[in-house]
C-alpha atoms as a PDB file:
ATOM      1  CA  MET A   1      -8.601 -33.926  -1.381  1.00  0.00           C
ATOM      2  CA  SER A   2      -9.533 -35.346  -4.757  1.00  0.00           C
ATOM      3  CA  LYS A   3      -8.015 -34.048  -7.975  1.00  0.00           C
ATOM      4  CA  VAL A   4     -11.382 -32.620  -9.077  1.00  0.00           C
ATOM      5  CA  VAL A   5     -11.726 -30.608  -5.853  1.00  0.00           C
ATOM      6  CA  LYS A   6      -8.112 -29.427  -6.089  1.00  0.00           C
ATOM      7  CA  ASP A   7      -8.726 -28.235  -9.650  1.00  0.00           C
ATOM      8  CA  MET A   8     -11.869 -26.373  -8.602  1.00  0.00           C
ATOM      9  CA  VAL A   9     -10.062 -24.650  -5.722  1.00  0.00           C
ATOM     10  CA  THR A  10      -7.119 -23.814  -7.976  1.00  0.00           C
ATOM     11  CA  ARG A  11      -9.434 -22.275 -10.607  1.00  0.00           C
ATOM     12  CA  ASP A  12     -11.189 -20.236  -7.912  1.00  0.00           C
ATOM     13  CA  LEU A  13      -7.874 -18.980  -6.550  1.00  0.00           C
ATOM     14  CA  HIS A  14      -6.617 -18.225 -10.069  1.00  0.00           C
ATOM     15  CA  SER A  15      -9.708 -16.113 -10.806  1.00  0.00           C
ATOM     16  CA  ARG A  16      -9.053 -14.081  -7.637  1.00  0.00           C
ATOM     17  CA  PHE A  17      -5.281 -13.799  -8.113  1.00  0.00           C
ATOM     18  CA  ALA A  18      -5.593 -12.832 -11.807  1.00  0.00           C
ATOM     19  CA  ASN A  19      -7.071  -9.448 -10.833  1.00  0.00           C
ATOM     20  CA  LEU A  20      -4.340  -8.652  -8.299  1.00  0.00           C
ATOM     21  CA  SER A  21      -0.839  -7.339  -8.824  1.00  0.00           C
ATOM     22  CA  SER A  22       0.250  -7.030  -5.173  1.00  0.00           C
ATOM     23  CA  ALA A  23       0.275  -9.449  -2.242  1.00  0.00           C
ATOM     24  CA  CYS A  24       2.282 -10.552   0.807  1.00  0.00           C
ATOM     25  CA  VAL A  25       3.243 -13.909   2.255  1.00  0.00           C
ATOM     26  CA  VAL A  26       3.244 -14.469   6.030  1.00  0.00           C
ATOM     27  CA  GLU A  27       3.629 -17.427   8.362  1.00  0.00           C
ATOM     28  CA  LEU A  28       1.028 -17.926  11.078  1.00  0.00           C
ATOM     29  CA  THR A  29       2.678 -20.866  12.868  1.00  0.00           C
ATOM     30  CA  GLY A  30       2.399 -20.372  16.614  1.00  0.00           C
ATOM     31  CA  LEU A  31      -0.579 -18.006  16.555  1.00  0.00           C
ATOM     32  CA  ASP A  32      -3.644 -19.254  18.394  1.00  0.00           C
ATOM     33  CA  VAL A  33      -7.154 -19.009  16.976  1.00  0.00           C
ATOM     34  CA  LEU A  34      -7.976 -15.753  18.785  1.00  0.00           C
ATOM     35  CA  GLN A  35      -4.810 -14.071  17.498  1.00  0.00           C
ATOM     36  CA  GLN A  36      -5.505 -15.261  13.951  1.00  0.00           C
ATOM     37  CA  GLN A  37      -9.078 -14.001  14.172  1.00  0.00           C
ATOM     38  CA  THR A  38      -7.853 -10.611  15.434  1.00  0.00           C
ATOM     39  CA  LEU A  39      -5.386 -10.445  12.545  1.00  0.00           C
ATOM     40  CA  ARG A  40      -8.046 -11.409   9.987  1.00  0.00           C
ATOM     41  CA  SER A  41     -10.574  -8.864  11.287  1.00  0.00           C
ATOM     42  CA  GLY A  42      -7.904  -6.123  11.231  1.00  0.00           C
ATOM     43  CA  LEU A  43      -7.072  -7.024   7.644  1.00  0.00           C
ATOM     44  CA  ARG A  44     -10.762  -7.072   6.698  1.00  0.00           C
ATOM     45  CA  ALA A  45     -11.127  -3.544   8.105  1.00  0.00           C
ATOM     46  CA  LYS A  46      -8.429  -2.476   5.625  1.00  0.00           C
ATOM     47  CA  SER A  47     -10.102  -4.475   2.810  1.00  0.00           C
ATOM     48  CA  GLY A  48      -7.443  -7.158   3.058  1.00  0.00           C
ATOM     49  CA  ARG A  49      -7.829 -10.911   2.956  1.00  0.00           C
ATOM     50  CA  LEU A  50      -5.704 -13.643   4.531  1.00  0.00           C
ATOM     51  CA  GLU A  51      -5.856 -17.076   2.913  1.00  0.00           C
ATOM     52  CA  VAL A  52      -4.155 -20.229   4.125  1.00  0.00           C
ATOM     53  CA  VAL A  53      -3.727 -22.344   1.018  1.00  0.00           C
ATOM     54  CA  LYS A  54      -1.635 -25.354   0.152  1.00  0.00           C
ATOM     55  CA  ASN A  55       1.594 -23.989  -1.372  1.00  0.00           C
ATOM     56  CA  SER A  56       1.476 -26.116  -4.530  1.00  0.00           C
ATOM     57  CA  MET A  57      -2.131 -25.073  -5.208  1.00  0.00           C
ATOM     58  CA  ALA A  58      -1.292 -21.408  -4.656  1.00  0.00           C
ATOM     59  CA  ARG A  59       1.687 -21.643  -7.023  1.00  0.00           C
ATOM     60  CA  ARG A  60      -0.503 -23.236  -9.703  1.00  0.00           C
ATOM     61  CA  ALA A  61      -3.165 -20.561  -9.170  1.00  0.00           C
ATOM     62  CA  MET A  62      -0.553 -17.790  -9.529  1.00  0.00           C
ATOM     63  CA  LYS A  63       0.783 -19.223 -12.793  1.00  0.00           C
ATOM     64  CA  GLY A  64       0.353 -16.647 -15.567  1.00  0.00           C
ATOM     65  CA  CYS A  65      -0.724 -13.896 -13.114  1.00  0.00           C
ATOM     66  CA  PRO A  66       1.182 -10.818 -11.965  1.00  0.00           C
ATOM     67  CA  LEU A  67       1.628 -12.612  -8.608  1.00  0.00           C
ATOM     68  CA  GLU A  68       3.587 -15.498 -10.170  1.00  0.00           C
ATOM     69  CA  PRO A  69       7.020 -14.380  -8.804  1.00  0.00           C
ATOM     70  CA  LEU A  70       5.561 -14.563  -5.283  1.00  0.00           C
ATOM     71  CA  GLY A  71       5.266 -18.337  -5.700  1.00  0.00           C
ATOM     72  CA  LYS A  72       8.985 -18.645  -4.850  1.00  0.00           C
ATOM     73  CA  SER A  73       8.218 -17.390  -1.327  1.00  0.00           C
ATOM     74  CA  LEU A  74       5.682 -20.112  -0.663  1.00  0.00           C
ATOM     75  CA  VAL A  75       7.948 -22.395   1.357  1.00  0.00           C
ATOM     76  CA  GLY A  76       6.777 -24.012   4.576  1.00  0.00           C
ATOM     77  CA  PRO A  77       3.515 -23.126   6.302  1.00  0.00           C
ATOM     78  CA  CYS A  78       2.361 -19.895   4.616  1.00  0.00           C
ATOM     79  CA  ALA A  79      -0.625 -17.664   4.188  1.00  0.00           C
ATOM     80  CA  VAL A  80      -1.223 -15.234   1.325  1.00  0.00           C
ATOM     81  CA  VAL A  81      -2.433 -11.739   2.197  1.00  0.00           C
ATOM     82  CA  THR A  82      -4.134  -9.830  -0.609  1.00  0.00           C
ATOM     83  CA  SER A  83      -6.001  -6.560  -0.925  1.00  0.00           C
ATOM     84  CA  GLN A  84      -8.104  -4.834  -3.556  1.00  0.00           C
ATOM     85  CA  GLU A  85      -6.900  -1.499  -2.143  1.00  0.00           C
ATOM     86  CA  SER A  86      -3.341  -0.587  -1.140  1.00  0.00           C
ATOM     87  CA  ILE A  87      -0.971  -3.439  -0.277  1.00  0.00           C
ATOM     88  CA  ILE A  88       1.290  -0.839   1.363  1.00  0.00           C
ATOM     89  CA  ASP A  89      -1.368  -0.101   3.983  1.00  0.00           C
ATOM     90  CA  ILE A  90      -1.722  -3.855   4.511  1.00  0.00           C
ATOM     91  CA  ALA A  91       2.072  -4.217   4.898  1.00  0.00           C
ATOM     92  CA  LYS A  92       2.102  -1.404   7.478  1.00  0.00           C
ATOM     93  CA  PHE A  93      -0.665  -3.194   9.374  1.00  0.00           C
ATOM     94  CA  LEU A  94       1.235  -6.512   9.216  1.00  0.00           C
ATOM     95  CA  VAL A  95       4.440  -4.937  10.571  1.00  0.00           C
ATOM     96  CA  LYS A  96       2.453  -3.360  13.403  1.00  0.00           C
ATOM     97  CA  SER A  97       0.733  -6.698  14.077  1.00  0.00           C
ATOM     98  CA  ALA A  98       4.076  -8.548  14.098  1.00  0.00           C
ATOM     99  CA  LYS A  99       5.107  -6.389  17.056  1.00  0.00           C
ATOM    100  CA  THR A 100       1.925  -7.423  18.881  1.00  0.00           C
ATOM    101  CA  PHE A 101       1.959 -11.084  17.802  1.00  0.00           C
ATOM    102  CA  LYS A 102       5.601 -12.122  18.201  1.00  0.00           C
ATOM    103  CA  LYS A 103       5.082 -15.458  16.395  1.00  0.00           C
ATOM    104  CA  LEU A 104       3.768 -13.830  13.207  1.00  0.00           C
ATOM    105  CA  THR A 105       6.546 -14.191  10.625  1.00  0.00           C
ATOM    106  CA  LEU A 106       6.589 -11.723   7.754  1.00  0.00           C
ATOM    107  CA  LYS A 107       8.081 -13.118   4.570  1.00  0.00           C
ATOM    108  CA  LYS A 108       7.977 -11.501   1.131  1.00  0.00           C
ATOM    109  CA  GLY A 109       5.677  -9.293  -0.861  1.00  0.00           C
ATOM    110  CA  ILE A 110       5.153  -8.262  -4.446  1.00  0.00           C
ATOM    111  CA  PHE A 111       4.204  -4.730  -5.466  1.00  0.00           C
ATOM    112  CA  GLU A 112       2.372  -3.976  -8.717  1.00  0.00           C
ATOM    113  CA  GLY A 113       3.571  -7.186 -10.395  1.00  0.00           C
ATOM    114  CA  ASP A 114       7.257  -6.243 -10.133  1.00  0.00           C
ATOM    115  CA  PRO A 115       9.242  -9.505 -10.383  1.00  0.00           C
ATOM    116  CA  ASP A 116      11.656  -8.302  -7.685  1.00  0.00           C
ATOM    117  CA  LEU A 117      10.208  -9.441  -4.375  1.00  0.00           C
ATOM    118  CA  LEU A 118      10.438  -7.151  -1.369  1.00  0.00           C
ATOM    119  CA  THR A 119      10.265  -7.958   2.299  1.00  0.00           C
ATOM    120  CA  VAL A 120       7.042  -6.948   3.991  1.00  0.00           C
ATOM    121  CA  GLU A 121       9.068  -4.440   6.056  1.00  0.00           C
ATOM    122  CA  GLU A 122      10.356  -2.798   2.850  1.00  0.00           C
ATOM    123  CA  LEU A 123       6.817  -2.602   1.501  1.00  0.00           C
ATOM    124  CA  SER A 124       5.625  -0.958   4.712  1.00  0.00           C
ATOM    125  CA  LYS A 125       8.212   1.822   4.360  1.00  0.00           C
ATOM    126  CA  MET A 126       6.936   2.812   0.930  1.00  0.00           C
ATOM    127  CA  LYS A 127       4.495   5.675   0.563  1.00  0.00           C
ATOM    128  CA  GLY A 128       0.847   4.771   0.263  1.00  0.00           C
ATOM    129  CA  LYS A 129      -1.602   5.942  -2.374  1.00  0.00           C
ATOM    130  CA  ARG A 130      -2.985   8.769  -0.196  1.00  0.00           C
ATOM    131  CA  GLU A 131       0.485  10.071   0.639  1.00  0.00           C
ATOM    132  CA  LEU A 132       1.509  10.051  -3.029  1.00  0.00           C
ATOM    133  CA  LEU A 133      -1.704  11.796  -4.111  1.00  0.00           C
ATOM    134  CA  GLY A 134      -1.092  14.447  -1.443  1.00  0.00           C
ATOM    135  CA  GLU A 135       2.436  15.020  -2.730  1.00  0.00           C
ATOM    136  CA  VAL A 136       1.227  15.256  -6.328  1.00  0.00           C
ATOM    137  CA  ALA A 137      -1.440  17.782  -5.332  1.00  0.00           C
ATOM    138  CA  MET A 138       1.164  19.827  -3.467  1.00  0.00           C
ATOM    139  CA  LEU A 139       3.539  19.748  -6.440  1.00  0.00           C
ATOM    140  CA  ILE A 140       0.775  20.769  -8.835  1.00  0.00           C
ATOM    141  CA  SER A 141      -0.336  23.711  -6.693  1.00  0.00           C
ATOM    142  CA  SER A 142       3.183  24.809  -5.744  1.00  0.00           C
ATOM    143  CA  PRO A 143       4.038  26.789  -8.944  1.00  0.00           C
ATOM    144  CA  GLY A 144       0.637  28.505  -8.857  1.00  0.00           C
ATOM    145  CA  ARG A 145       1.140  29.499  -5.231  1.00  0.00           C
ATOM    146  CA  ALA A 146       4.605  30.857  -6.009  1.00  0.00           C
ATOM    147  CA  LEU A 147       3.263  32.792  -9.001  1.00  0.00           C
ATOM    148  CA  ALA A 148       0.457  34.266  -6.923  1.00  0.00           C
ATOM    149  CA  GLY A 149       2.985  35.355  -4.300  1.00  0.00           C
ATOM    150  CA  CYS A 150       5.113  37.078  -6.940  1.00  0.00           C
ATOM    151  CA  LEU A 151       2.122  38.852  -8.455  1.00  0.00           C
ATOM    152  CA  ARG A 152       0.888  40.040  -5.099  1.00  0.00           C
ATOM    153  CA  SER A 153       4.240  41.323  -3.964  1.00  0.00           C
ATOM    154  CA  PRO A 154       4.814  44.150  -6.533  1.00  0.00           C
ATOM    155  CA  GLN A 155       1.213  45.274  -6.210  1.00  0.00           C
ATOM    156  CA  ALA A 156       1.597  45.556  -2.469  1.00  0.00           C
ATOM    157  CA  LYS A 157       4.760  47.637  -2.914  1.00  0.00           C
ATOM    158  CA  ILE A 158       3.131  49.952  -5.469  1.00  0.00           C
ATOM    159  CA  ALA A 159       0.041  50.385  -3.267  1.00  0.00           C
ATOM    160  CA  GLY A 160       2.273  51.195  -0.300  1.00  0.00           C
ATOM    161  CA  CYS A 161       4.168  53.848  -2.311  1.00  0.00           C
ATOM    162  CA  VAL A 162       0.942  55.421  -3.609  1.00  0.00           C
ATOM    163  CA  LYS A 163      -0.443  55.563  -0.074  1.00  0.00           C
ATOM    164  CA  LYS A 164       2.706  57.292   1.191  1.00  0.00           C
ATOM    165  CA  LEU A 165       2.491  59.841  -1.597  1.00  0.00           C
ATOM    166  CA  ALA A 166      -1.160  60.471  -0.825  1.00  0.00           C
ATOM    167  CA  ASP A 167      -0.548  60.837   2.904  1.00  0.00           C
ATOM    168  CA  ARG A 168       2.458  63.133   2.463  1.00  0.00           C
ATOM    169  CA  PRO A 169       1.750  66.806   3.094  1.00  0.00           C
ATOM    170  CA  GLU A 170       2.415  68.839   0.038  1.00  0.00           C
ATOM    171  CA  ALA A 171       5.397  71.087   0.141  1.00  0.00           C
ATOM    172  CA  ALA A 172       4.569  74.465  -1.122  1.00  0.00           C
END
């Protein structure tokens, strides 16, 4: 590949990587074409993308991006998995796929530009965006629910007492 073509590919990769803050690195050595296609289509369904790129070009493309620390993981035959959505959902899919495709090797991942790299397994154990939003919604509504329960409780007791008084025969 000529230097001009390498520079064009590197610029294209840099423009894509610049907008991302999370990604994973995997090794596809040993997977046949059908298995790779199955993996790619599964990732596409989760809005993920798998790219096999020359390591030195990927490192240059990641320079100055939030994904730059991930460049250290690009050793040997690698592929970069990215997503515009949740990288945690992608990591969960990759762990599940690694059980199906025994030769798929999961390496490292980066989450939200944090310089500390995590294994893909560690990423998959984190809570996804939907789970976190559900927890936040529950925490927000929890005090209101408790307050409503407290307000209802004394009223129910008072209404019960008034009903007993009303139903009681008058002693003359």
